[in-house]
Amino acid sequence: MERWQQEAREATIEGFKQNRKLNGMTQTELGRKAGISQPNITRFESGSYNPSLDFMVKIAAAMGKRVQITLVDE
């Protein structure tokens, strides 16, 4: 289970980072637009911060996106 958690975390972080970059936003710009400090964006993108769903919804919205969670069979 720990491996799946790590894989899910890494894939989620990568998706957020790619979207931020595709939107041409810096971490500072994203943080400002989302109302979240830039250091928290950095911690999230480095994998050293386990964000809440609310955190992810805020930064997704700041990029014009929404969060969708999908459960799949093992």
N, C-alpha and C. Protein backbone atom coordinates (compact mmCIF):
# COMPACT_ATOMS: atom_id res chain seq x y z
N MET A 1 0.81 -1.18 0.00
CA MET A 1 0.00 0.00 0.00
C MET A 1 0.87 1.26 0.00
N GLU A 2 1.97 1.27 0.71
CA GLU A 2 2.84 2.45 0.75
C GLU A 2 3.35 2.80 -0.64
N ARG A 3 3.64 1.79 -1.45
CA ARG A 3 4.13 2.03 -2.81
C ARG A 3 3.05 2.74 -3.62
N TRP A 4 1.80 2.30 -3.47
CA TRP A 4 0.70 2.92 -4.21
C TRP A 4 0.50 4.37 -3.77
N GLN A 5 0.62 4.60 -2.47
CA GLN A 5 0.49 5.96 -1.96
C GLN A 5 1.57 6.85 -2.57
N GLN A 6 2.79 6.35 -2.59
CA GLN A 6 3.89 7.13 -3.15
C GLN A 6 3.69 7.39 -4.64
N GLU A 7 3.26 6.37 -5.37
CA GLU A 7 3.02 6.54 -6.80
C GLU A 7 1.90 7.55 -7.06
N ALA A 8 0.84 7.47 -6.28
CA ALA A 8 -0.28 8.41 -6.44
C ALA A 8 0.17 9.82 -6.11
N ARG A 9 0.94 9.98 -5.05
CA ARG A 9 1.45 11.30 -4.66
C ARG A 9 2.32 11.88 -5.77
N GLU A 10 3.26 11.08 -6.28
CA GLU A 10 4.17 11.56 -7.32
C GLU A 10 3.43 11.94 -8.60
N ALA A 11 2.46 11.12 -8.99
CA ALA A 11 1.69 11.41 -10.21
C ALA A 11 0.85 12.68 -10.03
N THR A 12 0.28 12.85 -8.86
CA THR A 12 -0.52 14.04 -8.58
C THR A 12 0.34 15.30 -8.62
N ILE A 13 1.47 15.25 -7.95
CA ILE A 13 2.38 16.40 -7.93
C ILE A 13 2.82 16.74 -9.35
N GLU A 14 3.21 15.74 -10.10
CA GLU A 14 3.67 15.97 -11.47
C GLU A 14 2.58 16.60 -12.32
N GLY A 15 1.35 16.15 -12.16
CA GLY A 15 0.23 16.73 -12.90
C GLY A 15 0.04 18.20 -12.58
N PHE A 16 0.12 18.54 -11.31
CA PHE A 16 -0.01 19.94 -10.91
C PHE A 16 1.15 20.78 -11.45
N LYS A 17 2.37 20.26 -11.34
CA LYS A 17 3.53 21.00 -11.84
C LYS A 17 3.43 21.24 -13.34
N GLN A 18 3.07 20.21 -14.08
CA GLN A 18 2.96 20.34 -15.53
C GLN A 18 1.90 21.37 -15.91
N ASN A 19 0.77 21.35 -15.23
CA ASN A 19 -0.28 22.32 -15.53
C ASN A 19 0.16 23.73 -15.19
N ARG A 20 0.85 23.90 -14.09
CA ARG A 20 1.35 25.24 -13.73
C ARG A 20 2.28 25.76 -14.82
N LYS A 21 3.19 24.91 -15.26
CA LYS A 21 4.14 25.32 -16.28
C LYS A 21 3.47 25.57 -17.63
N LEU A 22 2.50 24.73 -17.99
CA LEU A 22 1.76 24.93 -19.24
C LEU A 22 0.99 26.25 -19.22
N ASN A 23 0.56 26.66 -18.04
CA ASN A 23 -0.12 27.94 -17.89
C ASN A 23 0.86 29.11 -17.82
N GLY A 24 2.15 28.81 -17.89
CA GLY A 24 3.17 29.85 -17.84
C GLY A 24 3.23 30.58 -16.51
N MET A 25 2.91 29.88 -15.44
CA MET A 25 2.87 30.50 -14.11
C MET A 25 4.08 30.08 -13.28
N THR A 26 4.59 31.02 -12.52
CA THR A 26 5.61 30.69 -11.53
C THR A 26 4.90 30.21 -10.27
N GLN A 27 5.66 29.65 -9.36
CA GLN A 27 5.08 29.24 -8.09
C GLN A 27 4.53 30.45 -7.34
N THR A 28 5.22 31.56 -7.44
CA THR A 28 4.77 32.78 -6.78
C THR A 28 3.45 33.26 -7.35
N GLU A 29 3.33 33.27 -8.67
CA GLU A 29 2.08 33.69 -9.31
C GLU A 29 0.93 32.76 -8.94
N LEU A 30 1.20 31.47 -8.96
CA LEU A 30 0.17 30.50 -8.60
C LEU A 30 -0.27 30.71 -7.16
N GLY A 31 0.69 30.85 -6.27
CA GLY A 31 0.37 31.06 -4.86
C GLY A 31 -0.46 32.32 -4.65
N ARG A 32 -0.06 33.39 -5.31
CA ARG A 32 -0.79 34.66 -5.18
C ARG A 32 -2.23 34.50 -5.66
N LYS A 33 -2.39 33.87 -6.80
CA LYS A 33 -3.72 33.70 -7.38
C LYS A 33 -4.60 32.76 -6.54
N ALA A 34 -3.97 31.75 -5.92
CA ALA A 34 -4.70 30.77 -5.12
C ALA A 34 -4.88 31.19 -3.66
N GLY A 35 -4.15 32.24 -3.25
CA GLY A 35 -4.20 32.65 -1.85
C GLY A 35 -3.42 31.73 -0.94
N ILE A 36 -2.36 31.16 -1.49
CA ILE A 36 -1.50 30.21 -0.76
C ILE A 36 -0.07 30.72 -0.87
N SER A 37 0.70 30.61 0.21
CA SER A 37 2.06 31.13 0.17
C SER A 37 2.93 30.33 -0.80
N GLN A 38 3.86 31.02 -1.45
CA GLN A 38 4.78 30.37 -2.39
C GLN A 38 5.57 29.25 -1.73
N PRO A 39 6.05 29.42 -0.48
CA PRO A 39 6.76 28.29 0.15
C PRO A 39 5.91 27.03 0.25
N ASN A 40 4.60 27.18 0.45
CA ASN A 40 3.74 25.98 0.50
C ASN A 40 3.60 25.35 -0.88
N ILE A 41 3.59 26.16 -1.93
CA ILE A 41 3.57 25.61 -3.29
C ILE A 41 4.85 24.83 -3.54
N THR A 42 5.98 25.40 -3.12
CA THR A 42 7.28 24.74 -3.29
C THR A 42 7.32 23.42 -2.53
N ARG A 43 6.86 23.42 -1.30
CA ARG A 43 6.85 22.18 -0.50
C ARG A 43 5.98 21.12 -1.15
N PHE A 44 4.82 21.54 -1.66
CA PHE A 44 3.94 20.59 -2.35
C PHE A 44 4.63 20.00 -3.57
N GLU A 45 5.21 20.86 -4.42
CA GLU A 45 5.83 20.38 -5.65
C GLU A 45 7.09 19.56 -5.39
N SER A 46 7.72 19.73 -4.24
CA SER A 46 8.91 18.94 -3.93
C SER A 46 8.56 17.62 -3.27
N GLY A 47 7.28 17.46 -2.89
CA GLY A 47 6.85 16.22 -2.26
C GLY A 47 7.03 16.20 -0.76
N SER A 48 7.42 17.34 -0.17
CA SER A 48 7.65 17.36 1.28
C SER A 48 6.43 17.86 2.05
N TYR A 49 5.32 18.05 1.37
CA TYR A 49 4.10 18.55 1.99
C TYR A 49 2.94 17.69 1.52
N ASN A 50 2.18 17.16 2.45
CA ASN A 50 1.03 16.34 2.11
C ASN A 50 -0.20 17.25 2.16
N PRO A 51 -0.65 17.72 1.00
CA PRO A 51 -1.69 18.74 0.98
C PRO A 51 -3.08 18.18 1.27
N SER A 52 -3.93 19.08 1.73
CA SER A 52 -5.34 18.72 1.90
C SER A 52 -6.03 18.80 0.54
N LEU A 53 -7.19 18.24 0.48
CA LEU A 53 -7.99 18.34 -0.74
C LEU A 53 -8.32 19.81 -1.02
N ASP A 54 -8.61 20.57 0.02
CA ASP A 54 -8.91 22.00 -0.15
C ASP A 54 -7.74 22.73 -0.79
N PHE A 55 -6.52 22.41 -0.38
CA PHE A 55 -5.32 23.02 -0.96
C PHE A 55 -5.26 22.73 -2.45
N MET A 56 -5.44 21.47 -2.82
CA MET A 56 -5.36 21.10 -4.24
C MET A 56 -6.48 21.74 -5.05
N VAL A 57 -7.67 21.84 -4.48
CA VAL A 57 -8.79 22.47 -5.18
C VAL A 57 -8.47 23.94 -5.43
N LYS A 58 -7.89 24.62 -4.44
CA LYS A 58 -7.55 26.04 -4.60
C LYS A 58 -6.53 26.26 -5.70
N ILE A 59 -5.47 25.46 -5.70
CA ILE A 59 -4.44 25.71 -6.73
C ILE A 59 -4.93 25.27 -8.11
N ALA A 60 -5.76 24.23 -8.15
CA ALA A 60 -6.33 23.83 -9.45
C ALA A 60 -7.21 24.96 -9.99
N ALA A 61 -8.05 25.52 -9.14
CA ALA A 61 -8.94 26.62 -9.57
C ALA A 61 -8.14 27.82 -10.04
N ALA A 62 -7.01 28.09 -9.39
CA ALA A 62 -6.17 29.21 -9.80
C ALA A 62 -5.57 29.00 -11.19
N MET A 63 -5.54 27.75 -11.64
CA MET A 63 -5.04 27.44 -12.98
C MET A 63 -6.18 27.19 -13.96
N GLY A 64 -7.42 27.46 -13.52
CA GLY A 64 -8.57 27.25 -14.39
C GLY A 64 -8.94 25.79 -14.54
N LYS A 65 -8.61 25.00 -13.53
CA LYS A 65 -8.88 23.56 -13.54
C LYS A 65 -9.73 23.19 -12.34
N ARG A 66 -10.19 21.96 -12.33
CA ARG A 66 -10.87 21.43 -11.14
C ARG A 66 -10.30 20.05 -10.84
N VAL A 67 -10.39 19.66 -9.62
CA VAL A 67 -9.86 18.36 -9.18
C VAL A 67 -10.93 17.30 -9.37
N GLN A 68 -10.51 16.17 -9.93
CA GLN A 68 -11.39 15.02 -10.08
C GLN A 68 -10.64 13.80 -9.56
N ILE A 69 -11.26 13.09 -8.65
CA ILE A 69 -10.65 11.90 -8.08
C ILE A 69 -11.37 10.68 -8.64
N THR A 70 -10.60 9.73 -9.12
CA THR A 70 -11.16 8.52 -9.71
C THR A 70 -10.60 7.30 -8.99
N LEU A 71 -11.47 6.41 -8.59
CA LEU A 71 -11.05 5.15 -7.98
C LEU A 71 -11.02 4.08 -9.06
N VAL A 72 -9.98 3.27 -9.05
CA VAL A 72 -9.85 2.19 -10.03
C VAL A 72 -9.59 0.89 -9.27
N ASP A 73 -9.97 -0.21 -9.89
CA ASP A 73 -9.71 -1.51 -9.29
C ASP A 73 -8.21 -1.78 -9.25
N GLU A 74 -7.81 -2.58 -8.28
CA GLU A 74 -6.39 -2.96 -8.17
C GLU A 74 -6.01 -3.87 -9.31
